[in-house]
Each structure stands twice: as structure tokens, then as C-alpha cells.
C-alpha atoms as a PDB file:
ATOM      1  CA  UNK A   1       5.721  -1.386 -55.627  1.00  0.00           C
ATOM      2  CA  UNK A   2       3.409  -1.900 -52.691  1.00  0.00           C
ATOM      3  CA  UNK A   3       3.801  -0.605 -49.155  1.00  0.00           C
ATOM      4  CA  UNK A   4       4.320  -4.162 -47.890  1.00  0.00           C
ATOM      5  CA  UNK A   5       7.144  -4.713 -50.404  1.00  0.00           C
ATOM      6  CA  UNK A   6       8.815  -1.480 -49.347  1.00  0.00           C
ATOM      7  CA  UNK A   7       8.299  -2.467 -45.715  1.00  0.00           C
ATOM      8  CA  UNK A   8      10.012  -5.821 -46.306  1.00  0.00           C
ATOM      9  CA  UNK A   9      12.901  -4.134 -48.085  1.00  0.00           C
ATOM     10  CA  UNK A  10      13.260  -1.632 -45.266  1.00  0.00           C
ATOM     11  CA  UNK A  11      13.076  -4.406 -42.649  1.00  0.00           C
ATOM     12  CA  UNK A  12      15.755  -6.421 -44.465  1.00  0.00           C
ATOM     13  CA  UNK A  13      18.009  -3.380 -44.775  1.00  0.00           C
ATOM     14  CA  UNK A  14      17.547  -2.568 -41.082  1.00  0.00           C
ATOM     15  CA  UNK A  15      18.483  -6.137 -40.128  1.00  0.00           C
ATOM     16  CA  UNK A  16      21.610  -5.996 -42.328  1.00  0.00           C
ATOM     17  CA  UNK A  17      22.499  -2.593 -40.887  1.00  0.00           C
ATOM     18  CA  UNK A  18      22.111  -3.810 -37.296  1.00  0.00           C
ATOM     19  CA  UNK A  19      24.221  -6.909 -37.966  1.00  0.00           C
ATOM     20  CA  UNK A  20      26.960  -4.837 -39.604  1.00  0.00           C
ATOM     21  CA  UNK A  21      26.890  -2.306 -36.792  1.00  0.00           C
ATOM     22  CA  UNK A  22      27.372  -5.098 -34.241  1.00  0.00           C
ATOM     23  CA  UNK A  23      30.160  -6.682 -36.314  1.00  0.00           C
ATOM     24  CA  UNK A  24      31.967  -3.354 -36.607  1.00  0.00           C
ATOM     25  CA  UNK A  25      31.570  -2.728 -32.879  1.00  0.00           C
ATOM     26  CA  UNK A  26      33.007  -6.152 -32.006  1.00  0.00           C
ATOM     27  CA  UNK A  27      35.855  -5.708 -34.484  1.00  0.00           C
ATOM     28  CA  UNK A  28      36.648  -2.340 -32.929  1.00  0.00           C
ATOM     29  CA  UNK A  29      36.739  -3.931 -29.473  1.00  0.00           C
ATOM     30  CA  UNK A  30      39.058  -6.706 -30.711  1.00  0.00           C
ATOM     31  CA  UNK A  31      41.267  -4.133 -32.398  1.00  0.00           C
ATOM     32  CA  UNK A  32      41.397  -2.062 -29.199  1.00  0.00           C
ATOM     33  CA  UNK A  33      42.316  -5.157 -27.167  1.00  0.00           C
ATOM     34  CA  UNK A  34      45.097  -5.981 -29.624  1.00  0.00           C
ATOM     35  CA  UNK A  35      46.304  -2.375 -29.510  1.00  0.00           C
ATOM     36  CA  UNK A  36      46.376  -2.431 -25.695  1.00  0.00           C
ATOM     37  CA  UNK A  37      48.516  -5.593 -25.759  1.00  0.00           C
ATOM     38  CA  UNK A  38      50.876  -4.002 -28.263  1.00  0.00           C
ATOM     39  CA  UNK A  39      51.147  -0.872 -26.151  1.00  0.00           C
ATOM     40  CA  UNK A  40      52.226  -2.954 -23.148  1.00  0.00           C
ATOM     41  CA  UNK A  41      54.926  -4.579 -25.274  1.00  0.00           C
ATOM     42  CA  UNK A  42      55.985  -1.173 -26.608  1.00  0.00           C
ATOM     43  CA  UNK A  43      56.319   0.277 -23.120  1.00  0.00           C
ATOM     44  CA  UNK A  44      58.345  -2.775 -22.129  1.00  0.00           C
ATOM     45  CA  UNK A  45      60.564  -2.585 -25.208  1.00  0.00           C
ATOM     46  CA  UNK A  46      61.255   1.146 -25.292  1.00  0.00           C
ATOM     47  CA  UNK A  47      63.350   1.331 -22.091  1.00  0.00           C
ATOM     48  CA  UNK A  48      65.235  -1.825 -23.064  1.00  0.00           C
ATOM     49  CA  UNK A  49      66.288  -0.254 -26.327  1.00  0.00           C
ATOM     50  CA  UNK A  50      67.194   2.986 -24.580  1.00  0.00           C
ATOM     51  CA  UNK A  51      69.367   1.126 -22.073  1.00  0.00           C
ATOM     52  CA  UNK A  52      70.790  -1.395 -24.519  1.00  0.00           C
ATOM     53  CA  UNK A  53      73.860   0.623 -25.503  1.00  0.00           C
ATOM     54  CA  UNK A  54      74.910   0.975 -21.882  1.00  0.00           C
ATOM     55  CA  UNK A  55      74.219  -2.675 -21.086  1.00  0.00           C
ATOM     56  CA  UNK A  56      76.020  -3.828 -24.225  1.00  0.00           C
ATOM     57  CA  UNK A  57      79.269  -2.593 -22.731  1.00  0.00           C
ATOM     58  CA  UNK A  58      79.018  -5.293 -20.100  1.00  0.00           C
ATOM     59  CA  UNK A  59      78.400  -8.181 -22.512  1.00  0.00           C
ATOM     60  CA  UNK A  60      74.636  -8.041 -22.750  1.00  0.00           C
ATOM     61  CA  UNK A  61      74.396 -10.388 -25.722  1.00  0.00           C
ATOM     62  CA  UNK A  62      71.371 -12.224 -24.306  1.00  0.00           C
ATOM     63  CA  UNK A  63      69.533  -9.010 -23.487  1.00  0.00           C
ATOM     64  CA  UNK A  64      70.220  -7.741 -27.004  1.00  0.00           C
ATOM     65  CA  UNK A  65      68.914 -10.933 -28.600  1.00  0.00           C
ATOM     66  CA  UNK A  66      65.785 -10.892 -26.466  1.00  0.00           C
ATOM     67  CA  UNK A  67      65.200  -7.228 -27.296  1.00  0.00           C
ATOM     68  CA  UNK A  68      65.523  -7.915 -31.015  1.00  0.00           C
ATOM     69  CA  UNK A  69      63.036 -10.791 -30.720  1.00  0.00           C
ATOM     70  CA  UNK A  70      60.503  -8.621 -28.894  1.00  0.00           C
ATOM     71  CA  UNK A  71      60.962  -5.902 -31.531  1.00  0.00           C
ATOM     72  CA  UNK A  72      60.357  -8.449 -34.309  1.00  0.00           C
ATOM     73  CA  UNK A  73      57.238  -9.775 -32.557  1.00  0.00           C
ATOM     74  CA  UNK A  74      55.937  -6.245 -32.132  1.00  0.00           C
ATOM     75  CA  UNK A  75      56.555  -5.501 -35.818  1.00  0.00           C
ATOM     76  CA  UNK A  76      54.696  -8.656 -36.863  1.00  0.00           C
ATOM     77  CA  UNK A  77      51.822  -7.806 -34.531  1.00  0.00           C
ATOM     78  CA  UNK A  78      51.590  -4.294 -36.020  1.00  0.00           C
ATOM     79  CA  UNK A  79      51.473  -5.879 -39.489  1.00  0.00           C
ATOM     80  CA  UNK A  80      48.693  -8.275 -38.425  1.00  0.00           C
ATOM     81  CA  UNK A  81      46.715  -5.408 -36.914  1.00  0.00           C
ATOM     82  CA  UNK A  82      47.224  -3.259 -40.030  1.00  0.00           C
ATOM     83  CA  UNK A  83      46.013  -6.128 -42.267  1.00  0.00           C
ATOM     84  CA  UNK A  84      42.964  -6.711 -40.072  1.00  0.00           C
ATOM     85  CA  UNK A  85      41.960  -3.093 -40.601  1.00  0.00           C
ATOM     86  CA  UNK A  86      42.097  -3.384 -44.409  1.00  0.00           C
END
């Protein structure tokens, strides 16, 4: 194998490495953005669940339904995020 062949192989590997590094960096940024959105939903949901029992006493059917929907959305979003990391 000649030096120029090794140089071409090395150059090709470097290009692939750089492209992968950029792709991983962008994926990490997208994942972080998704996580930040989920955290906002979590911090919105947590107090609602904590207060739900008290509010339920005064016929909070709508609040309960909305809380369940947000919880389902959050669960689905966690699943999507988990799958994107696989």
C-alpha cells in the first residue's frame, strides 16, 4: 500500500468522522430541546396532580380530564424521545 493510498483512506475516514461528529452534536441539541420542552410540561403537570385530589372534591371533572391528557402526552413524548435515542 502506498503513502497516497493510506492518505486517501485517512482523509476519507476523517471526513466520515467529522460528519458523524456533527450529526451527533445536532442530535444531542435536538434531544436537549425536546427534553427542555418535556421538563416544562412536567413542571406544569406535577402541581396539577398534587392538587387534583383537593380540587376533585369540588367537581373538578374537567381539570382531571385535562390533567390525564397532559400526562398521556408527556408519556408519549418520553417514548418518542427514548426511541430516538436507540
